[in-house]
Structure formats: structure tokens, C-alpha cells
Amino acid sequence: MLRFKCLVLVESGHSLAAPRVHRYPFAMDTVFDLWFTREYDHREDTELHIGIYASERDALAAVKALKEKPGFSDYPDGFDVIPTKLGLTGWQDGFVTSIGPPPKDAAGEAFDLPGWLQ
């Protein structure tokens, strides 16, 4: 399953060993966006925006502090650290709404995609 978050393509199904950290060359105008996602078969997924950090080290320290807390400890591989450039305007080509395949028990789900995917 693929997801779009902050214009970064994120692949689900990673190792339980560590949070995903998307590695790119970083400049001083890069921050580290921390998300937690838990996927369910029988209900809507949980997606939590944890915070934005000045360094990868700070984001990973937050993961370490949270991973044993209730809810997070049940799904320790749900953390994503996403480098994000400051001042970058996303969705510059607009967006389109598409009806996707049926999620779980629903008849179909509408979701928005970047305009450049048309």
C-alpha cells in the first residue's frame, strides 16, 4: 500500500526494527516531520501528526520517548520521520478527487491526489 504525506511517497510494510527515515541531502532549511500511522482491517486507520523537529536526532528522540507509551507500543513500526523543506509550497498543480477501490467494508472511498498525477 502506498501513501502520500507531505508530497513524499511512503511505502507501508517496513521493518519493526526502526522508524522509517526518508534520507535525502539536507540543507539548513529542512525540518523533520514525525507521523504515526496504524492500519486496521476493520475500521479507518489512525494517522497522528506527532510534531516537527529541527533535526533528525530530535525526531528520533521523540520516537524513543513515545514508542513504549499506550497505543504506540501496540504498533511500534508505525512511526515515520519525513524530511520536509521549509517554504516549499505543496500541491502547486492543484488536486483531483478520485474514487478508489473499496476500503475494508465500504463501497468505495474518495481521496485527493496531486494534480500532476492526472
PDB file of N, CA and C in Angstrom:
ATOM      1  N   MET A   1       0.840  -1.169   0.000  1.00  0.00           N
ATOM      2  CA  MET A   1       0.000   0.000   0.000  1.00  0.00           C
ATOM      3  C   MET A   1       0.889   1.236   0.000  1.00  0.00           C
ATOM      4  N   LEU A   2       0.602   2.198  -0.850  1.00  0.00           N
ATOM      5  CA  LEU A   2       1.384   3.426  -0.914  1.00  0.00           C
ATOM      6  C   LEU A   2       0.565   4.582  -0.385  1.00  0.00           C
ATOM      7  N   ARG A   3       1.221   5.555   0.266  1.00  0.00           N
ATOM      8  CA  ARG A   3       0.552   6.723   0.824  1.00  0.00           C
ATOM      9  C   ARG A   3       1.308   7.969   0.424  1.00  0.00           C
ATOM     10  N   PHE A   4       0.589   9.065   0.279  1.00  0.00           N
ATOM     11  CA  PHE A   4       1.213  10.360   0.075  1.00  0.00           C
ATOM     12  C   PHE A   4       1.103  11.140   1.367  1.00  0.00           C
ATOM     13  N   LYS A   5       2.216  11.657   1.836  1.00  0.00           N
ATOM     14  CA  LYS A   5       2.241  12.528   3.005  1.00  0.00           C
ATOM     15  C   LYS A   5       3.229  13.629   2.705  1.00  0.00           C
ATOM     16  N   CYS A   6       2.783  14.830   2.788  1.00  0.00           N
ATOM     17  CA  CYS A   6       3.661  15.984   2.581  1.00  0.00           C
ATOM     18  C   CYS A   6       4.428  15.868   1.272  1.00  0.00           C
ATOM     19  N   LEU A   7       3.769  15.405   0.240  1.00  0.00           N
ATOM     20  CA  LEU A   7       4.348  15.238  -1.093  1.00  0.00           C
ATOM     21  C   LEU A   7       5.498  14.246  -1.134  1.00  0.00           C
ATOM     22  N   VAL A   8       5.579  13.360  -0.150  1.00  0.00           N
ATOM     23  CA  VAL A   8       6.606  12.330  -0.131  1.00  0.00           C
ATOM     24  C   VAL A   8       5.890  10.993  -0.232  1.00  0.00           C
ATOM     25  N   LEU A   9       6.317  10.139  -1.133  1.00  0.00           N
ATOM     26  CA  LEU A   9       5.720   8.823  -1.280  1.00  0.00           C
ATOM     27  C   LEU A   9       6.296   7.919  -0.200  1.00  0.00           C
ATOM     28  N   VAL A  10       5.415   7.315   0.604  1.00  0.00           N
ATOM     29  CA  VAL A  10       5.828   6.494   1.724  1.00  0.00           C
ATOM     30  C   VAL A  10       5.301   5.091   1.496  1.00  0.00           C
ATOM     31  N   GLU A  11       6.142   4.086   1.634  1.00  0.00           N
ATOM     32  CA  GLU A  11       5.715   2.714   1.438  1.00  0.00           C
ATOM     33  C   GLU A  11       5.446   2.058   2.787  1.00  0.00           C
ATOM     34  N   SER A  12       4.299   1.420   2.930  1.00  0.00           N
ATOM     35  CA  SER A  12       3.960   0.697   4.153  1.00  0.00           C
ATOM     36  C   SER A  12       4.612  -0.680   4.120  1.00  0.00           C
ATOM     37  N   GLY A  13       4.669  -1.315   5.266  1.00  0.00           N
ATOM     38  CA  GLY A  13       5.190  -2.673   5.340  1.00  0.00           C
ATOM     39  C   GLY A  13       6.671  -2.717   5.613  1.00  0.00           C
ATOM     40  N   HIS A  14       7.176  -1.811   6.396  1.00  0.00           N
ATOM     41  CA  HIS A  14       8.598  -1.744   6.690  1.00  0.00           C
ATOM     42  C   HIS A  14       8.937  -2.599   7.901  1.00  0.00           C
ATOM     43  N   SER A  15      10.200  -2.685   8.232  1.00  0.00           N
ATOM     44  CA  SER A  15      10.691  -3.482   9.340  1.00  0.00           C
ATOM     45  C   SER A  15      10.233  -2.936  10.680  1.00  0.00           C
ATOM     46  N   LEU A  16      10.058  -3.809  11.652  1.00  0.00           N
ATOM     47  CA  LEU A  16       9.709  -3.399  13.006  1.00  0.00           C
ATOM     48  C   LEU A  16      10.915  -2.835  13.747  1.00  0.00           C
ATOM     49  N   ALA A  17      12.100  -2.970  13.199  1.00  0.00           N
ATOM     50  CA  ALA A  17      13.321  -2.614  13.911  1.00  0.00           C
ATOM     51  C   ALA A  17      13.461  -1.127  14.201  1.00  0.00           C
ATOM     52  N   ALA A  18      13.035  -0.276  13.308  1.00  0.00           N
ATOM     53  CA  ALA A  18      13.260   1.163  13.495  1.00  0.00           C
ATOM     54  C   ALA A  18      12.234   1.957  12.695  1.00  0.00           C
ATOM     55  N   PRO A  19      11.997   3.214  13.089  1.00  0.00           N
ATOM     56  CA  PRO A  19      11.091   4.046  12.301  1.00  0.00           C
ATOM     57  C   PRO A  19      11.688   4.303  10.922  1.00  0.00           C
ATOM     58  N   ARG A  20      10.817   4.524   9.945  1.00  0.00           N
ATOM     59  CA  ARG A  20      11.305   4.866   8.608  1.00  0.00           C
ATOM     60  C   ARG A  20      11.838   6.288   8.649  1.00  0.00           C
ATOM     61  N   VAL A  21      13.006   6.469   8.116  1.00  0.00           N
ATOM     62  CA  VAL A  21      13.557   7.809   7.943  1.00  0.00           C
ATOM     63  C   VAL A  21      13.892   7.931   6.472  1.00  0.00           C
ATOM     64  N   HIS A  22      13.250   8.864   5.798  1.00  0.00           N
ATOM     65  CA  HIS A  22      13.453   9.063   4.374  1.00  0.00           C
ATOM     66  C   HIS A  22      14.701   9.913   4.199  1.00  0.00           C
ATOM     67  N   ARG A  23      15.734   9.359   3.619  1.00  0.00           N
ATOM     68  CA  ARG A  23      17.028  10.023   3.563  1.00  0.00           C
ATOM     69  C   ARG A  23      17.234  10.761   2.235  1.00  0.00           C
ATOM     70  N   TYR A  24      17.500  12.046   2.362  1.00  0.00           N
ATOM     71  CA  TYR A  24      17.808  12.919   1.238  1.00  0.00           C
ATOM     72  C   TYR A  24      18.936  13.827   1.698  1.00  0.00           C
ATOM     73  N   PRO A  25      19.645  14.498   0.781  1.00  0.00           N
ATOM     74  CA  PRO A  25      20.621  15.501   1.229  1.00  0.00           C
ATOM     75  C   PRO A  25      19.879  16.656   1.887  1.00  0.00           C
ATOM     76  N   PHE A  26      20.277  17.016   3.105  1.00  0.00           N
ATOM     77  CA  PHE A  26      19.562  18.031   3.864  1.00  0.00           C
ATOM     78  C   PHE A  26      20.296  19.356   3.863  1.00  0.00           C
ATOM     79  N   ALA A  27      19.543  20.427   3.769  1.00  0.00           N
ATOM     80  CA  ALA A  27      20.078  21.777   3.894  1.00  0.00           C
ATOM     81  C   ALA A  27      19.577  22.337   5.224  1.00  0.00           C
ATOM     82  N   MET A  28      20.002  23.540   5.568  1.00  0.00           N
ATOM     83  CA  MET A  28      19.594  24.162   6.823  1.00  0.00           C
ATOM     84  C   MET A  28      18.106  24.509   6.830  1.00  0.00           C
ATOM     85  N   ASP A  29      17.454  24.456   5.689  1.00  0.00           N
ATOM     86  CA  ASP A  29      16.033  24.778   5.636  1.00  0.00           C
ATOM     87  C   ASP A  29      15.152  23.523   5.657  1.00  0.00           C
ATOM     88  N   THR A  30      15.688  22.429   6.201  1.00  0.00           N
ATOM     89  CA  THR A  30      14.948  21.176   6.283  1.00  0.00           C
ATOM     90  C   THR A  30      14.553  20.903   7.732  1.00  0.00           C
ATOM     91  N   VAL A  31      13.305  20.515   7.934  1.00  0.00           N
ATOM     92  CA  VAL A  31      12.821  20.072   9.233  1.00  0.00           C
ATOM     93  C   VAL A  31      12.391  18.614   9.102  1.00  0.00           C
ATOM     94  N   PHE A  32      12.121  17.984  10.227  1.00  0.00           N
ATOM     95  CA  PHE A  32      11.800  16.563  10.233  1.00  0.00           C
ATOM     96  C   PHE A  32      10.407  16.384  10.824  1.00  0.00           C
ATOM     97  N   ASP A  33       9.497  15.956   9.970  1.00  0.00           N
ATOM     98  CA  ASP A  33       8.085  15.825  10.280  1.00  0.00           C
ATOM     99  C   ASP A  33       7.842  14.399  10.785  1.00  0.00           C
ATOM    100  N   LEU A  34       7.308  14.255  11.996  1.00  0.00           N
ATOM    101  CA  LEU A  34       7.098  12.939  12.600  1.00  0.00           C
ATOM    102  C   LEU A  34       5.612  12.595  12.601  1.00  0.00           C
ATOM    103  N   TRP A  35       5.294  11.447  12.009  1.00  0.00           N
ATOM    104  CA  TRP A  35       3.926  10.928  11.933  1.00  0.00           C
ATOM    105  C   TRP A  35       3.870   9.542  12.552  1.00  0.00           C
ATOM    106  N   PHE A  36       2.694   9.177  13.029  1.00  0.00           N
ATOM    107  CA  PHE A  36       2.422   7.811  13.479  1.00  0.00           C
ATOM    108  C   PHE A  36       1.180   7.335  12.749  1.00  0.00           C
ATOM    109  N   THR A  37       1.256   6.148  12.140  1.00  0.00           N
ATOM    110  CA  THR A  37       0.124   5.570  11.418  1.00  0.00           C
ATOM    111  C   THR A  37      -0.078   4.129  11.885  1.00  0.00           C
ATOM    112  N   ARG A  38      -1.316   3.810  12.193  1.00  0.00           N
ATOM    113  CA  ARG A  38      -1.672   2.423  12.492  1.00  0.00           C
ATOM    114  C   ARG A  38      -2.789   2.028  11.546  1.00  0.00           C
ATOM    115  N   GLU A  39      -2.569   0.952  10.808  1.00  0.00           N
ATOM    116  CA  GLU A  39      -3.544   0.476   9.833  1.00  0.00           C
ATOM    117  C   GLU A  39      -4.407  -0.620  10.441  1.00  0.00           C
ATOM    118  N   TYR A  40      -5.693  -0.574  10.107  1.00  0.00           N
ATOM    119  CA  TYR A  40      -6.654  -1.556  10.591  1.00  0.00           C
ATOM    120  C   TYR A  40      -7.353  -2.201   9.402  1.00  0.00           C
ATOM    121  N   ASP A  41      -7.791  -3.439   9.576  1.00  0.00           N
ATOM    122  CA  ASP A  41      -8.563  -4.115   8.543  1.00  0.00           C
ATOM    123  C   ASP A  41     -10.047  -3.794   8.650  1.00  0.00           C
ATOM    124  N   HIS A  42     -10.531  -3.450   9.830  1.00  0.00           N
ATOM    125  CA  HIS A  42     -11.960  -3.346  10.096  1.00  0.00           C
ATOM    126  C   HIS A  42     -12.453  -1.930  10.384  1.00  0.00           C
ATOM    127  N   ARG A  43     -11.596  -0.928  10.317  1.00  0.00           N
ATOM    128  CA  ARG A  43     -12.007   0.451  10.585  1.00  0.00           C
ATOM    129  C   ARG A  43     -11.016   1.410   9.941  1.00  0.00           C
ATOM    130  N   GLU A  44     -11.311   2.688  10.038  1.00  0.00           N
ATOM    131  CA  GLU A  44     -10.398   3.690   9.481  1.00  0.00           C
ATOM    132  C   GLU A  44      -9.063   3.655  10.208  1.00  0.00           C
ATOM    133  N   ASP A  45      -8.007   3.899   9.469  1.00  0.00           N
ATOM    134  CA  ASP A  45      -6.670   3.910  10.052  1.00  0.00           C
ATOM    135  C   ASP A  45      -6.506   5.106  10.985  1.00  0.00           C
ATOM    136  N   THR A  46      -5.603   4.985  11.927  1.00  0.00           N
ATOM    137  CA  THR A  46      -5.233   6.081  12.815  1.00  0.00           C
ATOM    138  C   THR A  46      -4.005   6.762  12.229  1.00  0.00           C
ATOM    139  N   GLU A  47      -4.086   8.055  11.973  1.00  0.00           N
ATOM    140  CA  GLU A  47      -2.942   8.839  11.496  1.00  0.00           C
ATOM    141  C   GLU A  47      -2.776  10.024  12.429  1.00  0.00           C
ATOM    142  N   LEU A  48      -1.639  10.082  13.126  1.00  0.00           N
ATOM    143  CA  LEU A  48      -1.369  11.135  14.102  1.00  0.00           C
ATOM    144  C   LEU A  48      -0.141  11.935  13.682  1.00  0.00           C
ATOM    145  N   HIS A  49      -0.291  13.232  13.619  1.00  0.00           N
ATOM    146  CA  HIS A  49       0.860  14.103  13.379  1.00  0.00           C
ATOM    147  C   HIS A  49       1.471  14.387  14.745  1.00  0.00           C
ATOM    148  N   ILE A  50       2.679  13.876  14.977  1.00  0.00           N
ATOM    149  CA  ILE A  50       3.318  13.987  16.287  1.00  0.00           C
ATOM    150  C   ILE A  50       3.986  15.345  16.451  1.00  0.00           C
ATOM    151  N   GLY A  51       4.766  15.770  15.460  1.00  0.00           N
ATOM    152  CA  GLY A  51       5.437  17.056  15.580  1.00  0.00           C
ATOM    153  C   GLY A  51       6.430  17.297  14.466  1.00  0.00           C
ATOM    154  N   ILE A  52       6.997  18.489  14.490  1.00  0.00           N
ATOM    155  CA  ILE A  52       8.008  18.903  13.515  1.00  0.00           C
ATOM    156  C   ILE A  52       9.261  19.253  14.308  1.00  0.00           C
ATOM    157  N   TYR A  53      10.397  18.714  13.889  1.00  0.00           N
ATOM    158  CA  TYR A  53      11.639  18.832  14.650  1.00  0.00           C
ATOM    159  C   TYR A  53      12.749  19.451  13.809  1.00  0.00           C
ATOM    160  N   ALA A  54      13.646  20.133  14.487  1.00  0.00           N
ATOM    161  CA  ALA A  54      14.746  20.825  13.820  1.00  0.00           C
ATOM    162  C   ALA A  54      15.810  19.868  13.316  1.00  0.00           C
ATOM    163  N   SER A  55      15.893  18.677  13.898  1.00  0.00           N
ATOM    164  CA  SER A  55      16.910  17.717  13.465  1.00  0.00           C
ATOM    165  C   SER A  55      16.341  16.304  13.466  1.00  0.00           C
ATOM    166  N   GLU A  56      16.980  15.443  12.698  1.00  0.00           N
ATOM    167  CA  GLU A  56      16.601  14.037  12.671  1.00  0.00           C
ATOM    168  C   GLU A  56      16.795  13.431  14.063  1.00  0.00           C
ATOM    169  N   ARG A  57      17.847  13.836  14.732  1.00  0.00           N
ATOM    170  CA  ARG A  57      18.135  13.344  16.087  1.00  0.00           C
ATOM    171  C   ARG A  57      16.966  13.658  17.032  1.00  0.00           C
ATOM    172  N   ASP A  58      16.444  14.889  16.963  1.00  0.00           N
ATOM    173  CA  ASP A  58      15.315  15.279  17.810  1.00  0.00           C
ATOM    174  C   ASP A  58      14.068  14.446  17.499  1.00  0.00           C
ATOM    175  N   ALA A  59      13.812  14.199  16.232  1.00  0.00           N
ATOM    176  CA  ALA A  59      12.650  13.399  15.833  1.00  0.00           C
ATOM    177  C   ALA A  59      12.788  11.967  16.337  1.00  0.00           C
ATOM    178  N   LEU A  60      13.974  11.396  16.207  1.00  0.00           N
ATOM    179  CA  LEU A  60      14.194  10.030  16.677  1.00  0.00           C
ATOM    180  C   LEU A  60      14.133   9.947  18.204  1.00  0.00           C
ATOM    181  N   ALA A  61      14.527  11.016  18.893  1.00  0.00           N
ATOM    182  CA  ALA A  61      14.392  11.061  20.357  1.00  0.00           C
ATOM    183  C   ALA A  61      12.917  11.055  20.750  1.00  0.00           C
ATOM    184  N   ALA A  62      12.081  11.740  19.978  1.00  0.00           N
ATOM    185  CA  ALA A  62      10.641  11.731  20.236  1.00  0.00           C
ATOM    186  C   ALA A  62      10.072  10.328  20.031  1.00  0.00           C
ATOM    187  N   VAL A  63      10.519   9.641  18.988  1.00  0.00           N
ATOM    188  CA  VAL A  63      10.078   8.257  18.751  1.00  0.00           C
ATOM    189  C   VAL A  63      10.460   7.396  19.948  1.00  0.00           C
ATOM    190  N   LYS A  64      11.679   7.527  20.411  1.00  0.00           N
ATOM    191  CA  LYS A  64      12.152   6.744  21.554  1.00  0.00           C
ATOM    192  C   LYS A  64      11.307   7.009  22.789  1.00  0.00           C
ATOM    193  N   ALA A  65      10.937   8.265  23.012  1.00  0.00           N
ATOM    194  CA  ALA A  65      10.138   8.633  24.177  1.00  0.00           C
ATOM    195  C   ALA A  65       8.701   8.113  24.084  1.00  0.00           C
ATOM    196  N   LEU A  66       8.181   7.976  22.868  1.00  0.00           N
ATOM    197  CA  LEU A  66       6.783   7.593  22.683  1.00  0.00           C
ATOM    198  C   LEU A  66       6.557   6.098  22.473  1.00  0.00           C
ATOM    199  N   LYS A  67       7.546   5.392  21.954  1.00  0.00           N
ATOM    200  CA  LYS A  67       7.299   4.027  21.485  1.00  0.00           C
ATOM    201  C   LYS A  67       6.869   3.044  22.569  1.00  0.00           C
ATOM    202  N   GLU A  68       7.087   3.352  23.825  1.00  0.00           N
ATOM    203  CA  GLU A  68       6.636   2.478  24.908  1.00  0.00           C
ATOM    204  C   GLU A  68       5.332   2.956  25.542  1.00  0.00           C
ATOM    205  N   LYS A  69       4.772   4.050  25.076  1.00  0.00           N
ATOM    206  CA  LYS A  69       3.529   4.608  25.621  1.00  0.00           C
ATOM    207  C   LYS A  69       2.322   3.823  25.089  1.00  0.00           C
ATOM    208  N   PRO A  70       1.202   3.871  25.845  1.00  0.00           N
ATOM    209  CA  PRO A  70      -0.009   3.164  25.387  1.00  0.00           C
ATOM    210  C   PRO A  70      -0.410   3.578  23.975  1.00  0.00           C
ATOM    211  N   GLY A  71      -0.827   2.604  23.212  1.00  0.00           N
ATOM    212  CA  GLY A  71      -1.226   2.837  21.819  1.00  0.00           C
ATOM    213  C   GLY A  71      -0.033   2.719  20.890  1.00  0.00           C
ATOM    214  N   PHE A  72       1.003   3.490  21.149  1.00  0.00           N
ATOM    215  CA  PHE A  72       2.208   3.430  20.318  1.00  0.00           C
ATOM    216  C   PHE A  72       2.913   2.089  20.480  1.00  0.00           C
ATOM    217  N   SER A  73       2.933   1.573  21.722  1.00  0.00           N
ATOM    218  CA  SER A  73       3.637   0.314  21.985  1.00  0.00           C
ATOM    219  C   SER A  73       2.963  -0.874  21.300  1.00  0.00           C
ATOM    220  N   ASP A  74       1.666  -0.737  20.979  1.00  0.00           N
ATOM    221  CA  ASP A  74       0.955  -1.804  20.274  1.00  0.00           C
ATOM    222  C   ASP A  74       1.346  -1.896  18.801  1.00  0.00           C
ATOM    223  N   TYR A  75       1.921  -0.849  18.274  1.00  0.00           N
ATOM    224  CA  TYR A  75       2.269  -0.808  16.847  1.00  0.00           C
ATOM    225  C   TYR A  75       3.573  -0.020  16.690  1.00  0.00           C
ATOM    226  N   PRO A  76       4.704  -0.578  17.153  1.00  0.00           N
ATOM    227  CA  PRO A  76       5.963   0.169  17.192  1.00  0.00           C
ATOM    228  C   PRO A  76       6.535   0.528  15.825  1.00  0.00           C
ATOM    229  N   ASP A  77       6.046  -0.101  14.760  1.00  0.00           N
ATOM    230  CA  ASP A  77       6.566   0.220  13.426  1.00  0.00           C
ATOM    231  C   ASP A  77       5.752   1.311  12.737  1.00  0.00           C
ATOM    232  N   GLY A  78       4.886   1.998  13.470  1.00  0.00           N
ATOM    233  CA  GLY A  78       4.016   2.992  12.867  1.00  0.00           C
ATOM    234  C   GLY A  78       4.598   4.381  12.730  1.00  0.00           C
ATOM    235  N   PHE A  79       5.844   4.593  13.146  1.00  0.00           N
ATOM    236  CA  PHE A  79       6.448   5.921  13.093  1.00  0.00           C
ATOM    237  C   PHE A  79       7.109   6.190  11.744  1.00  0.00           C
ATOM    238  N   ASP A  80       6.950   7.416  11.246  1.00  0.00           N
ATOM    239  CA  ASP A  80       7.609   7.881  10.016  1.00  0.00           C
ATOM    240  C   ASP A  80       8.263   9.223  10.305  1.00  0.00           C
ATOM    241  N   VAL A  81       9.533   9.342   9.967  1.00  0.00           N
ATOM    242  CA  VAL A  81      10.231  10.626  10.038  1.00  0.00           C
ATOM    243  C   VAL A  81      10.441  11.080   8.600  1.00  0.00           C
ATOM    244  N   ILE A  82       9.836  12.221   8.242  1.00  0.00           N
ATOM    245  CA  ILE A  82       9.844  12.677   6.856  1.00  0.00           C
ATOM    246  C   ILE A  82      10.552  14.025   6.763  1.00  0.00           C
ATOM    247  N   PRO A  83      11.726  14.077   6.122  1.00  0.00           N
ATOM    248  CA  PRO A  83      12.383  15.372   5.920  1.00  0.00           C
ATOM    249  C   PRO A  83      11.503  16.265   5.049  1.00  0.00           C
ATOM    250  N   THR A  84      11.342  17.501   5.471  1.00  0.00           N
ATOM    251  CA  THR A  84      10.464  18.434   4.774  1.00  0.00           C
ATOM    252  C   THR A  84      11.178  19.768   4.622  1.00  0.00           C
ATOM    253  N   LYS A  85      11.195  20.296   3.414  1.00  0.00           N
ATOM    254  CA  LYS A  85      11.848  21.573   3.157  1.00  0.00           C
ATOM    255  C   LYS A  85      10.926  22.717   3.564  1.00  0.00           C
ATOM    256  N   LEU A  86      11.460  23.662   4.335  1.00  0.00           N
ATOM    257  CA  LEU A  86      10.687  24.826   4.743  1.00  0.00           C
ATOM    258  C   LEU A  86      10.427  25.737   3.548  1.00  0.00           C
ATOM    259  N   GLY A  87       9.255  26.336   3.529  1.00  0.00           N
ATOM    260  CA  GLY A  87       8.921  27.303   2.488  1.00  0.00           C
ATOM    261  C   GLY A  87       8.519  26.691   1.165  1.00  0.00           C
ATOM    262  N   LEU A  88       8.455  25.383   1.088  1.00  0.00           N
ATOM    263  CA  LEU A  88       8.066  24.706  -0.148  1.00  0.00           C
ATOM    264  C   LEU A  88       6.546  24.613  -0.195  1.00  0.00           C
ATOM    265  N   THR A  89       5.948  25.167  -1.225  1.00  0.00           N
ATOM    266  CA  THR A  89       4.502  25.111  -1.389  1.00  0.00           C
ATOM    267  C   THR A  89       4.139  23.808  -2.080  1.00  0.00           C
ATOM    268  N   GLY A  90       3.366  23.005  -1.399  1.00  0.00           N
ATOM    269  CA  GLY A  90       2.927  21.743  -1.968  1.00  0.00           C
ATOM    270  C   GLY A  90       1.677  21.907  -2.813  1.00  0.00           C
ATOM    271  N   TRP A  91       1.330  20.878  -3.537  1.00  0.00           N
ATOM    272  CA  TRP A  91       0.108  20.822  -4.335  1.00  0.00           C
ATOM    273  C   TRP A  91       0.031  21.983  -5.334  1.00  0.00           C
ATOM    274  N   GLN A  92       1.161  22.389  -5.905  1.00  0.00           N
ATOM    275  CA  GLN A  92       1.210  23.528  -6.809  1.00  0.00           C
ATOM    276  C   GLN A  92       0.423  23.318  -8.097  1.00  0.00           C
ATOM    277  N   ASP A  93       0.165  22.081  -8.456  1.00  0.00           N
ATOM    278  CA  ASP A  93      -0.611  21.783  -9.651  1.00  0.00           C
ATOM    279  C   ASP A  93      -2.083  21.525  -9.332  1.00  0.00           C
ATOM    280  N   GLY A  94      -2.501  21.844  -8.096  1.00  0.00           N
ATOM    281  CA  GLY A  94      -3.875  21.577  -7.696  1.00  0.00           C
ATOM    282  C   GLY A  94      -4.049  20.119  -7.328  1.00  0.00           C
ATOM    283  N   PHE A  95      -5.314  19.665  -7.286  1.00  0.00           N
ATOM    284  CA  PHE A  95      -5.568  18.262  -6.980  1.00  0.00           C
ATOM    285  C   PHE A  95      -6.828  17.795  -7.688  1.00  0.00           C
ATOM    286  N   VAL A  96      -6.954  16.489  -7.802  1.00  0.00           N
ATOM    287  CA  VAL A  96      -8.136  15.871  -8.382  1.00  0.00           C
ATOM    288  C   VAL A  96      -8.710  14.910  -7.351  1.00  0.00           C
ATOM    289  N   THR A  97     -10.018  14.731  -7.374  1.00  0.00           N
ATOM    290  CA  THR A  97     -10.652  13.768  -6.485  1.00  0.00           C
ATOM    291  C   THR A  97     -10.960  12.519  -7.291  1.00  0.00           C
ATOM    292  N   SER A  98     -10.599  11.382  -6.738  1.00  0.00           N
ATOM    293  CA  SER A  98     -10.774  10.114  -7.422  1.00  0.00           C
ATOM    294  C   SER A  98     -11.494   9.148  -6.493  1.00  0.00           C
ATOM    295  N   ILE A  99     -12.236   8.230  -7.050  1.00  0.00           N
ATOM    296  CA  ILE A  99     -12.871   7.180  -6.261  1.00  0.00           C
ATOM    297  C   ILE A  99     -11.980   5.954  -6.358  1.00  0.00           C
ATOM    298  N   GLY A 100     -11.540   5.485  -5.211  1.00  0.00           N
ATOM    299  CA  GLY A 100     -10.615   4.362  -5.179  1.00  0.00           C
ATOM    300  C   GLY A 100     -11.315   3.044  -4.954  1.00  0.00           C
ATOM    301  N   PRO A 101     -10.531   1.993  -4.857  1.00  0.00           N
ATOM    302  CA  PRO A 101     -11.102   0.667  -4.602  1.00  0.00           C
ATOM    303  C   PRO A 101     -11.744   0.646  -3.219  1.00  0.00           C
ATOM    304  N   PRO A 102     -12.690  -0.254  -3.001  1.00  0.00           N
ATOM    305  CA  PRO A 102     -13.371  -0.312  -1.715  1.00  0.00           C
ATOM    306  C   PRO A 102     -12.393  -0.587  -0.573  1.00  0.00           C
ATOM    307  N   PRO A 103     -12.336   0.304   0.426  1.00  0.00           N
ATOM    308  CA  PRO A 103     -11.513   0.020   1.593  1.00  0.00           C
ATOM    309  C   PRO A 103     -12.319  -0.784   2.601  1.00  0.00           C
ATOM    310  N   LYS A 104     -11.747  -1.791   3.131  1.00  0.00           N
ATOM    311  CA  LYS A 104     -12.387  -2.572   4.188  1.00  0.00           C
ATOM    312  C   LYS A 104     -13.797  -2.995   3.775  1.00  0.00           C
ATOM    313  N   ASP A 105     -14.835  -2.500   4.425  1.00  0.00           N
ATOM    314  CA  ASP A 105     -16.206  -2.916   4.121  1.00  0.00           C
ATOM    315  C   ASP A 105     -17.007  -1.865   3.367  1.00  0.00           C
ATOM    316  N   ALA A 106     -16.372  -0.805   2.900  1.00  0.00           N
ATOM    317  CA  ALA A 106     -17.092   0.277   2.228  1.00  0.00           C
ATOM    318  C   ALA A 106     -17.268  -0.027   0.742  1.00  0.00           C
ATOM    319  N   ALA A 107     -18.151   0.726   0.118  1.00  0.00           N
ATOM    320  CA  ALA A 107     -18.397   0.549  -1.310  1.00  0.00           C
ATOM    321  C   ALA A 107     -17.322   1.227  -2.155  1.00  0.00           C
ATOM    322  N   GLY A 108     -16.658   2.196  -1.630  1.00  0.00           N
ATOM    323  CA  GLY A 108     -15.621   2.938  -2.333  1.00  0.00           C
ATOM    324  C   GLY A 108     -15.214   4.127  -1.494  1.00  0.00           C
ATOM    325  N   GLU A 109     -14.072   4.686  -1.771  1.00  0.00           N
ATOM    326  CA  GLU A 109     -13.586   5.799  -0.982  1.00  0.00           C
ATOM    327  C   GLU A 109     -13.067   6.888  -1.900  1.00  0.00           C
ATOM    328  N   ALA A 110     -13.465   8.133  -1.640  1.00  0.00           N
ATOM    329  CA  ALA A 110     -12.944   9.264  -2.400  1.00  0.00           C
ATOM    330  C   ALA A 110     -11.674   9.738  -1.724  1.00  0.00           C
ATOM    331  N   PHE A 111     -10.675  10.066  -2.520  1.00  0.00           N
ATOM    332  CA  PHE A 111      -9.444  10.606  -1.972  1.00  0.00           C
ATOM    333  C   PHE A 111      -8.860  11.591  -2.954  1.00  0.00           C
ATOM    334  N   ASP A 112      -8.065  12.530  -2.430  1.00  0.00           N
ATOM    335  CA  ASP A 112      -7.479  13.577  -3.256  1.00  0.00           C
ATOM    336  C   ASP A 112      -6.028  13.226  -3.579  1.00  0.00           C
ATOM    337  N   LEU A 113      -5.653  13.510  -4.812  1.00  0.00           N
ATOM    338  CA  LEU A 113      -4.302  13.245  -5.296  1.00  0.00           C
ATOM    339  C   LEU A 113      -3.734  14.520  -5.899  1.00  0.00           C
ATOM    340  N   PRO A 114      -2.397  14.649  -5.900  1.00  0.00           N
ATOM    341  CA  PRO A 114      -1.795  15.820  -6.546  1.00  0.00           C
ATOM    342  C   PRO A 114      -2.216  15.910  -8.004  1.00  0.00           C
ATOM    343  N   GLY A 115      -2.383  17.133  -8.494  1.00  0.00           N
ATOM    344  CA  GLY A 115      -2.812  17.349  -9.866  1.00  0.00           C
ATOM    345  C   GLY A 115      -1.894  16.740 -10.902  1.00  0.00           C
ATOM    346  N   TRP A 116      -0.605  16.654 -10.609  1.00  0.00           N
ATOM    347  CA  TRP A 116       0.345  16.119 -11.595  1.00  0.00           C
ATOM    348  C   TRP A 116       0.175  14.632 -11.831  1.00  0.00           C
ATOM    349  N   LEU A 117      -0.644  13.954 -11.029  1.00  0.00           N
ATOM    350  CA  LEU A 117      -0.873  12.529 -11.238  1.00  0.00           C
ATOM    351  C   LEU A 117      -1.962  12.237 -12.259  1.00  0.00           C
ATOM    352  N   GLN A 118      -2.607  13.273 -12.783  1.00  0.00           N
ATOM    353  CA  GLN A 118      -3.679  13.060 -13.755  1.00  0.00           C
ATOM    354  C   GLN A 118      -3.163  12.379 -14.994  1.00  0.00           C
TER     355      GLN A 118
END
